[in-house]
Amino acid sequence: MCRMTIPEPEHLSGADLTAQGLRPAGQGRVLLLACGALAREILALVRLNGWDHMDLACLPAILHNHPEKITDAVRAAVDTHRADYARICVVYADCGTGGLLQAACDEMGIEMVPGPHCYAFFDGLAEFESRGEVTSFYLTDFLSRQFDAFVWRPLGLDRHPQLLEMYFGNYEKLVYLAQTDDPDLTARAEAQAARLGLAFERRFTGYGDLARVLEGWAHQGAPGTGALQSL
């Protein structure tokens, strides 16, 4: 089973790749090449379901602040690991790449998670699209933990609080898409909503469509894998 420790954002650069649990190449081995913001959820699903033929390598989560760098970083990581695995699957949605990541995956002949971003696949793609919440700002478990590192400081709000209205003036509520039932994370998310001057809604999603996508990949790589275990 793979093991992973997520470095703090200040130690990450756009070129960093954190790979854990890599094993020698073998028939049926699958590498999940993922955004670091999804590491906890992916590892939880792998452990819970006993998908021992799946390993995890993560690109820095901070790349989400620079989506123009994601596609090239994924290409480089695929080139690094392709010889060691029967299959590589990309655990990113479009994530602001404007279709470039999907085009690159198609070109490389590898699968990726469908949808515009992780908020949509946690919520469920059909449900997310039907809501049409254009005035909602979203947090996940990861962003609830790392709000200052991935939202507040990168937007310069620690240095220029007057920018708050410019960034968030058109939002009406903060929606916390909770992967786990954690009172501390809920309290953190609610505090961030108050900080932004937004109404607060908690929506328990579990792992959403991410669990179903990984299950499909797991079954392709290891026939006879048992029924999906999820939240």
C-alpha atoms as a PDB file:
ATOM      1  CA  MET A   1       0.000   0.000   0.000  1.00  0.00           C
ATOM      2  CA  CYS A   2       1.307   3.444  -0.819  1.00  0.00           C
ATOM      3  CA  ARG A   3       2.204   5.945   1.876  1.00  0.00           C
ATOM      4  CA  MET A   4       2.333   9.697   1.433  1.00  0.00           C
ATOM      5  CA  THR A   5       3.157  12.781   3.457  1.00  0.00           C
ATOM      6  CA  ILE A   6       1.973  16.080   1.987  1.00  0.00           C
ATOM      7  CA  PRO A   7       4.646  18.799   2.266  1.00  0.00           C
ATOM      8  CA  GLU A   8       3.650  22.261   3.377  1.00  0.00           C
ATOM      9  CA  PRO A   9       2.934  24.551   0.394  1.00  0.00           C
ATOM     10  CA  GLU A  10       5.922  26.812   0.992  1.00  0.00           C
ATOM     11  CA  HIS A  11       8.225  23.868   0.254  1.00  0.00           C
ATOM     12  CA  LEU A  12       6.645  23.170  -3.131  1.00  0.00           C
ATOM     13  CA  SER A  13       7.487  24.584  -6.528  1.00  0.00           C
ATOM     14  CA  GLY A  14       5.792  24.151  -9.877  1.00  0.00           C
ATOM     15  CA  ALA A  15       8.443  21.621 -10.916  1.00  0.00           C
ATOM     16  CA  ASP A  16       8.285  19.431  -7.784  1.00  0.00           C
ATOM     17  CA  LEU A  17       6.883  15.904  -7.951  1.00  0.00           C
ATOM     18  CA  THR A  18       6.204  13.954  -4.779  1.00  0.00           C
ATOM     19  CA  ALA A  19       5.921  10.231  -5.517  1.00  0.00           C
ATOM     20  CA  GLN A  20       5.271   7.655  -2.834  1.00  0.00           C
ATOM     21  CA  GLY A  21       4.740   3.925  -2.735  1.00  0.00           C
ATOM     22  CA  LEU A  22       6.305   3.278  -6.151  1.00  0.00           C
ATOM     23  CA  ARG A  23       7.004  -0.404  -6.772  1.00  0.00           C
ATOM     24  CA  PRO A  24       8.791  -2.267  -9.558  1.00  0.00           C
ATOM     25  CA  ALA A  25       6.857  -2.553 -12.805  1.00  0.00           C
ATOM     26  CA  GLY A  26       4.504  -5.494 -12.986  1.00  0.00           C
ATOM     27  CA  GLN A  27       1.524  -6.667 -14.901  1.00  0.00           C
ATOM     28  CA  GLY A  28      -1.598  -4.751 -13.890  1.00  0.00           C
ATOM     29  CA  ARG A  29       0.132  -2.103 -11.776  1.00  0.00           C
ATOM     30  CA  VAL A  30      -1.566   1.297 -12.004  1.00  0.00           C
ATOM     31  CA  LEU A  31      -0.130   4.708 -11.164  1.00  0.00           C
ATOM     32  CA  LEU A  32      -2.546   7.400 -10.056  1.00  0.00           C
ATOM     33  CA  LEU A  33      -0.955  10.701 -11.047  1.00  0.00           C
ATOM     34  CA  ALA A  34      -2.833  13.232  -8.963  1.00  0.00           C
ATOM     35  CA  CYS A  35      -3.161  16.733  -7.649  1.00  0.00           C
ATOM     36  CA  GLY A  36      -1.672  16.936  -4.163  1.00  0.00           C
ATOM     37  CA  ALA A  37      -4.951  18.405  -2.889  1.00  0.00           C
ATOM     38  CA  LEU A  38      -6.547  14.983  -3.431  1.00  0.00           C
ATOM     39  CA  ALA A  39      -3.873  12.858  -1.767  1.00  0.00           C
ATOM     40  CA  ARG A  40      -5.702  12.160   1.498  1.00  0.00           C
ATOM     41  CA  GLU A  41      -8.901  11.146  -0.261  1.00  0.00           C
ATOM     42  CA  ILE A  42      -7.145   8.923  -2.794  1.00  0.00           C
ATOM     43  CA  LEU A  43      -5.068   7.175  -0.139  1.00  0.00           C
ATOM     44  CA  ALA A  44      -8.164   6.632   1.985  1.00  0.00           C
ATOM     45  CA  LEU A  45     -10.000   4.975  -0.910  1.00  0.00           C
ATOM     46  CA  VAL A  46      -6.993   2.848  -1.862  1.00  0.00           C
ATOM     47  CA  ARG A  47      -6.576   1.606   1.703  1.00  0.00           C
ATOM     48  CA  LEU A  48     -10.268   1.101   2.343  1.00  0.00           C
ATOM     49  CA  ASN A  49     -10.733  -0.975  -0.795  1.00  0.00           C
ATOM     50  CA  GLY A  50      -7.462  -2.887  -0.714  1.00  0.00           C
ATOM     51  CA  TRP A  51      -6.362  -1.671  -4.148  1.00  0.00           C
ATOM     52  CA  ASP A  52      -2.798  -2.848  -3.589  1.00  0.00           C
ATOM     53  CA  HIS A  53      -1.994  -2.747  -7.295  1.00  0.00           C
ATOM     54  CA  MET A  54      -2.422   1.069  -7.335  1.00  0.00           C
ATOM     55  CA  ASP A  55       0.320   3.559  -6.428  1.00  0.00           C
ATOM     56  CA  LEU A  56       0.081   7.316  -6.012  1.00  0.00           C
ATOM     57  CA  ALA A  57       2.304  10.135  -7.277  1.00  0.00           C
ATOM     58  CA  CYS A  58       1.274  13.728  -6.610  1.00  0.00           C
ATOM     59  CA  LEU A  59       2.059  17.011  -8.258  1.00  0.00           C
ATOM     60  CA  PRO A  60       2.056  20.046  -5.922  1.00  0.00           C
ATOM     61  CA  ALA A  61      -1.407  21.262  -5.020  1.00  0.00           C
ATOM     62  CA  ILE A  62      -0.186  24.836  -5.422  1.00  0.00           C
ATOM     63  CA  LEU A  63      -0.263  24.295  -9.206  1.00  0.00           C
ATOM     64  CA  HIS A  64      -3.968  25.096  -8.961  1.00  0.00           C
ATOM     65  CA  ASN A  65      -2.912  28.713  -8.581  1.00  0.00           C
ATOM     66  CA  HIS A  66      -1.073  28.366 -11.913  1.00  0.00           C
ATOM     67  CA  PRO A  67      -3.282  26.155 -14.112  1.00  0.00           C
ATOM     68  CA  GLU A  68      -1.240  27.058 -17.172  1.00  0.00           C
ATOM     69  CA  LYS A  69       1.538  24.884 -15.697  1.00  0.00           C
ATOM     70  CA  ILE A  70      -0.554  21.783 -14.975  1.00  0.00           C
ATOM     71  CA  THR A  71      -0.524  20.207 -18.441  1.00  0.00           C
ATOM     72  CA  ASP A  72       3.250  20.388 -18.871  1.00  0.00           C
ATOM     73  CA  ALA A  73       3.785  19.076 -15.339  1.00  0.00           C
ATOM     74  CA  VAL A  74       1.495  16.111 -16.023  1.00  0.00           C
ATOM     75  CA  ARG A  75       3.278  15.376 -19.314  1.00  0.00           C
ATOM     76  CA  ALA A  76       6.651  15.387 -17.565  1.00  0.00           C
ATOM     77  CA  ALA A  77       5.411  13.096 -14.804  1.00  0.00           C
ATOM     78  CA  VAL A  78       3.911  10.647 -17.293  1.00  0.00           C
ATOM     79  CA  ASP A  79       7.235  10.537 -19.153  1.00  0.00           C
ATOM     80  CA  THR A  80       9.034   9.851 -15.860  1.00  0.00           C
ATOM     81  CA  HIS A  81       6.820   6.952 -14.792  1.00  0.00           C
ATOM     82  CA  ARG A  82       5.400   5.425 -17.967  1.00  0.00           C
ATOM     83  CA  ALA A  83       7.984   2.627 -18.197  1.00  0.00           C
ATOM     84  CA  ASP A  84       7.260   1.456 -14.653  1.00  0.00           C
ATOM     85  CA  TYR A  85       3.498   0.934 -14.934  1.00  0.00           C
ATOM     86  CA  ALA A  86       1.012  -0.964 -17.020  1.00  0.00           C
ATOM     87  CA  ARG A  87      -1.319   2.037 -16.849  1.00  0.00           C
ATOM     88  CA  ILE A  88      -1.205   5.645 -15.682  1.00  0.00           C
ATOM     89  CA  CYS A  89      -4.424   7.470 -14.781  1.00  0.00           C
ATOM     90  CA  VAL A  90      -4.555  11.216 -14.195  1.00  0.00           C
ATOM     91  CA  VAL A  91      -6.537  12.309 -11.137  1.00  0.00           C
ATOM     92  CA  TYR A  92      -7.198  15.852 -12.276  1.00  0.00           C
ATOM     93  CA  ALA A  93     -10.318  17.293 -13.853  1.00  0.00           C
ATOM     94  CA  ASP A  94      -9.874  20.180 -16.312  1.00  0.00           C
ATOM     95  CA  CYS A  95      -8.846  22.436 -13.394  1.00  0.00           C
ATOM     96  CA  GLY A  96      -8.601  25.629 -15.411  1.00  0.00           C
ATOM     97  CA  THR A  97      -6.455  24.244 -18.236  1.00  0.00           C
ATOM     98  CA  GLY A  98      -9.053  25.158 -20.864  1.00  0.00           C
ATOM     99  CA  GLY A  99      -9.188  21.649 -22.314  1.00  0.00           C
ATOM    100  CA  LEU A 100      -5.413  21.395 -22.744  1.00  0.00           C
ATOM    101  CA  LEU A 101      -5.027  18.691 -20.105  1.00  0.00           C
ATOM    102  CA  GLN A 102      -7.711  16.520 -21.701  1.00  0.00           C
ATOM    103  CA  ALA A 103      -6.078  16.972 -25.120  1.00  0.00           C
ATOM    104  CA  ALA A 104      -2.696  15.988 -23.694  1.00  0.00           C
ATOM    105  CA  CYS A 105      -4.152  12.899 -21.999  1.00  0.00           C
ATOM    106  CA  ASP A 106      -5.889  11.880 -25.220  1.00  0.00           C
ATOM    107  CA  GLU A 107      -2.607  12.281 -27.076  1.00  0.00           C
ATOM    108  CA  MET A 108      -0.743  10.201 -24.478  1.00  0.00           C
ATOM    109  CA  GLY A 109      -3.484   7.572 -24.412  1.00  0.00           C
ATOM    110  CA  ILE A 110      -4.259   7.875 -20.703  1.00  0.00           C
ATOM    111  CA  GLU A 111      -7.478   8.463 -18.792  1.00  0.00           C
ATOM    112  CA  MET A 112      -8.328  11.401 -16.542  1.00  0.00           C
ATOM    113  CA  VAL A 113     -11.202  12.311 -14.243  1.00  0.00           C
ATOM    114  CA  PRO A 114     -14.097  13.960 -16.128  1.00  0.00           C
ATOM    115  CA  GLY A 115     -15.469  17.364 -15.189  1.00  0.00           C
ATOM    116  CA  PRO A 116     -14.387  20.980 -14.791  1.00  0.00           C
ATOM    117  CA  HIS A 117     -12.770  20.717 -11.326  1.00  0.00           C
ATOM    118  CA  CYS A 118     -12.703  18.787  -8.052  1.00  0.00           C
ATOM    119  CA  TYR A 119     -15.685  20.677  -6.619  1.00  0.00           C
ATOM    120  CA  ALA A 120     -17.830  19.215  -9.382  1.00  0.00           C
ATOM    121  CA  PHE A 121     -16.698  15.614  -9.024  1.00  0.00           C
ATOM    122  CA  PHE A 122     -16.934  15.684  -5.231  1.00  0.00           C
ATOM    123  CA  ASP A 123     -20.455  17.104  -5.449  1.00  0.00           C
ATOM    124  CA  GLY A 124     -21.297  14.785  -8.363  1.00  0.00           C
ATOM    125  CA  LEU A 125     -21.099  16.137 -11.904  1.00  0.00           C
ATOM    126  CA  ALA A 126     -24.819  15.964 -12.630  1.00  0.00           C
ATOM    127  CA  GLU A 127     -25.755  17.504  -9.278  1.00  0.00           C
ATOM    128  CA  PHE A 128     -23.157  20.251  -9.584  1.00  0.00           C
ATOM    129  CA  GLU A 129     -24.277  21.265 -13.054  1.00  0.00           C
ATOM    130  CA  SER A 130     -27.947  21.252 -12.063  1.00  0.00           C
ATOM    131  CA  ARG A 131     -27.350  23.624  -9.143  1.00  0.00           C
ATOM    132  CA  GLY A 132     -25.960  26.459 -11.258  1.00  0.00           C
ATOM    133  CA  GLU A 133     -24.361  28.066  -8.215  1.00  0.00           C
ATOM    134  CA  VAL A 134     -22.498  30.855  -9.961  1.00  0.00           C
ATOM    135  CA  THR A 135     -22.356  33.020  -6.826  1.00  0.00           C
ATOM    136  CA  SER A 136     -20.946  30.303  -4.552  1.00  0.00           C
ATOM    137  CA  PHE A 137     -17.341  29.945  -3.439  1.00  0.00           C
ATOM    138  CA  TYR A 138     -16.291  26.363  -2.639  1.00  0.00           C
ATOM    139  CA  LEU A 139     -14.057  24.739  -0.081  1.00  0.00           C
ATOM    140  CA  THR A 140     -13.119  21.071   0.237  1.00  0.00           C
ATOM    141  CA  ASP A 141     -11.549  19.369   3.257  1.00  0.00           C
ATOM    142  CA  PHE A 142      -8.127  20.243   1.844  1.00  0.00           C
ATOM    143  CA  LEU A 143      -8.961  23.918   1.341  1.00  0.00           C
ATOM    144  CA  SER A 144     -10.581  24.137   4.756  1.00  0.00           C
ATOM    145  CA  ARG A 145      -7.258  23.000   6.236  1.00  0.00           C
ATOM    146  CA  GLN A 146      -5.110  25.094   3.919  1.00  0.00           C
ATOM    147  CA  PHE A 147      -7.213  28.223   3.371  1.00  0.00           C
ATOM    148  CA  ASP A 148      -4.514  30.726   4.247  1.00  0.00           C
ATOM    149  CA  ALA A 149      -1.836  28.978   2.169  1.00  0.00           C
ATOM    150  CA  PHE A 150      -3.961  28.456  -0.949  1.00  0.00           C
ATOM    151  CA  VAL A 151      -6.480  31.311  -0.877  1.00  0.00           C
ATOM    152  CA  TRP A 152      -5.790  34.137   1.558  1.00  0.00           C
ATOM    153  CA  ARG A 153      -2.054  34.670   1.048  1.00  0.00           C
ATOM    154  CA  PRO A 154      -1.874  33.913  -2.711  1.00  0.00           C
ATOM    155  CA  LEU A 155      -4.597  36.532  -3.297  1.00  0.00           C
ATOM    156  CA  GLY A 156      -2.604  39.020  -1.236  1.00  0.00           C
ATOM    157  CA  LEU A 157      -5.397  39.494   1.316  1.00  0.00           C
ATOM    158  CA  ASP A 158      -2.947  39.225   4.206  1.00  0.00           C
ATOM    159  CA  ARG A 159      -1.167  42.312   2.837  1.00  0.00           C
ATOM    160  CA  HIS A 160      -3.995  44.131   1.080  1.00  0.00           C
ATOM    161  CA  PRO A 161      -7.321  43.428   2.854  1.00  0.00           C
ATOM    162  CA  GLN A 162      -8.973  46.137   0.756  1.00  0.00           C
ATOM    163  CA  LEU A 163      -8.916  43.634  -2.138  1.00  0.00           C
ATOM    164  CA  LEU A 164     -11.509  41.458  -0.391  1.00  0.00           C
ATOM    165  CA  GLU A 165     -14.462  43.263  -1.990  1.00  0.00           C
ATOM    166  CA  MET A 166     -12.896  43.055  -5.441  1.00  0.00           C
ATOM    167  CA  TYR A 167     -12.327  39.301  -5.200  1.00  0.00           C
ATOM    168  CA  PHE A 168     -15.443  38.232  -3.315  1.00  0.00           C
ATOM    169  CA  GLY A 169     -17.975  41.050  -3.740  1.00  0.00           C
ATOM    170  CA  ASN A 170     -20.049  39.066  -6.243  1.00  0.00           C
ATOM    171  CA  TYR A 171     -20.201  35.909  -4.147  1.00  0.00           C
ATOM    172  CA  GLU A 172     -23.170  35.236  -1.867  1.00  0.00           C
ATOM    173  CA  LYS A 173     -22.217  32.113   0.059  1.00  0.00           C
ATOM    174  CA  LEU A 174     -19.374  29.759   0.844  1.00  0.00           C
ATOM    175  CA  VAL A 175     -20.222  26.096   0.247  1.00  0.00           C
ATOM    176  CA  TYR A 176     -18.109  23.607   2.166  1.00  0.00           C
ATOM    177  CA  LEU A 177     -18.110  20.290   0.287  1.00  0.00           C
ATOM    178  CA  ALA A 178     -17.159  17.965   3.129  1.00  0.00           C
ATOM    179  CA  GLN A 179     -15.406  14.700   2.333  1.00  0.00           C
ATOM    180  CA  THR A 180     -15.329  13.662   5.984  1.00  0.00           C
ATOM    181  CA  ASP A 181     -17.522  14.319   8.993  1.00  0.00           C
ATOM    182  CA  ASP A 182     -14.993  16.422  10.894  1.00  0.00           C
ATOM    183  CA  PRO A 183     -16.332  19.097  13.292  1.00  0.00           C
ATOM    184  CA  ASP A 184     -12.985  20.907  13.314  1.00  0.00           C
ATOM    185  CA  LEU A 185     -12.929  21.277   9.523  1.00  0.00           C
ATOM    186  CA  THR A 186     -16.552  22.416   9.563  1.00  0.00           C
ATOM    187  CA  ALA A 187     -15.709  25.062  12.153  1.00  0.00           C
ATOM    188  CA  ARG A 188     -12.745  26.206  10.071  1.00  0.00           C
ATOM    189  CA  ALA A 189     -14.858  26.451   6.920  1.00  0.00           C
ATOM    190  CA  GLU A 190     -17.577  28.392   8.728  1.00  0.00           C
ATOM    191  CA  ALA A 191     -14.948  30.770  10.111  1.00  0.00           C
ATOM    192  CA  GLN A 192     -13.628  31.384   6.601  1.00  0.00           C
ATOM    193  CA  ALA A 193     -17.142  32.172   5.384  1.00  0.00           C
ATOM    194  CA  ALA A 194     -17.450  34.789   8.128  1.00  0.00           C
ATOM    195  CA  ARG A 195     -14.009  36.120   7.223  1.00  0.00           C
ATOM    196  CA  LEU A 196     -15.148  36.586   3.619  1.00  0.00           C
ATOM    197  CA  GLY A 197     -18.509  38.051   4.636  1.00  0.00           C
ATOM    198  CA  LEU A 198     -20.437  35.179   3.005  1.00  0.00           C
ATOM    199  CA  ALA A 199     -23.318  32.965   4.070  1.00  0.00           C
ATOM    200  CA  PHE A 200     -22.268  29.421   4.977  1.00  0.00           C
ATOM    201  CA  GLU A 201     -23.513  26.046   3.777  1.00  0.00           C
ATOM    202  CA  ARG A 202     -22.030  22.643   4.577  1.00  0.00           C
ATOM    203  CA  ARG A 203     -22.761  19.873   2.082  1.00  0.00           C
ATOM    204  CA  PHE A 204     -21.536  16.386   2.942  1.00  0.00           C
ATOM    205  CA  THR A 205     -20.385  14.762  -0.305  1.00  0.00           C
ATOM    206  CA  GLY A 206     -18.061  11.991   0.821  1.00  0.00           C
ATOM    207  CA  TYR A 207     -15.767  11.182  -2.082  1.00  0.00           C
ATOM    208  CA  GLY A 208     -18.470  11.671  -4.704  1.00  0.00           C
ATOM    209  CA  ASP A 209     -17.655  10.741  -8.285  1.00  0.00           C
ATOM    210  CA  LEU A 210     -13.959  10.408  -7.402  1.00  0.00           C
ATOM    211  CA  ALA A 211     -14.722   7.112  -5.673  1.00  0.00           C
ATOM    212  CA  ARG A 212     -16.604   5.760  -8.671  1.00  0.00           C
ATOM    213  CA  VAL A 213     -13.881   6.769 -11.142  1.00  0.00           C
ATOM    214  CA  LEU A 214     -11.131   5.165  -9.053  1.00  0.00           C
ATOM    215  CA  GLU A 215     -13.214   2.022  -8.642  1.00  0.00           C
ATOM    216  CA  GLY A 216     -13.516   1.717 -12.411  1.00  0.00           C
ATOM    217  CA  TRP A 217      -9.767   2.102 -12.850  1.00  0.00           C
ATOM    218  CA  ALA A 218      -9.081  -0.369 -10.046  1.00  0.00           C
ATOM    219  CA  HIS A 219     -11.287  -3.010 -11.634  1.00  0.00           C
ATOM    220  CA  GLN A 220      -9.590  -2.557 -15.010  1.00  0.00           C
ATOM    221  CA  GLY A 221      -6.205  -3.076 -13.400  1.00  0.00           C
ATOM    222  CA  ALA A 222      -7.138  -5.981 -11.128  1.00  0.00           C
ATOM    223  CA  PRO A 223     -10.036  -8.211 -12.248  1.00  0.00           C
ATOM    224  CA  GLY A 224     -11.961  -9.574  -9.324  1.00  0.00           C
ATOM    225  CA  THR A 225     -11.546  -6.522  -7.113  1.00  0.00           C
ATOM    226  CA  GLY A 226     -14.298  -6.442  -4.499  1.00  0.00           C
ATOM    227  CA  ALA A 227     -17.209  -4.033  -4.216  1.00  0.00           C
ATOM    228  CA  LEU A 228     -16.404  -0.365  -3.652  1.00  0.00           C
ATOM    229  CA  GLN A 229     -16.087   0.845  -0.093  1.00  0.00           C
ATOM    230  CA  SER A 230     -16.614   4.581   0.351  1.00  0.00           C
ATOM    231  CA  LEU A 231     -18.128   7.175   2.641  1.00  0.00           C
END
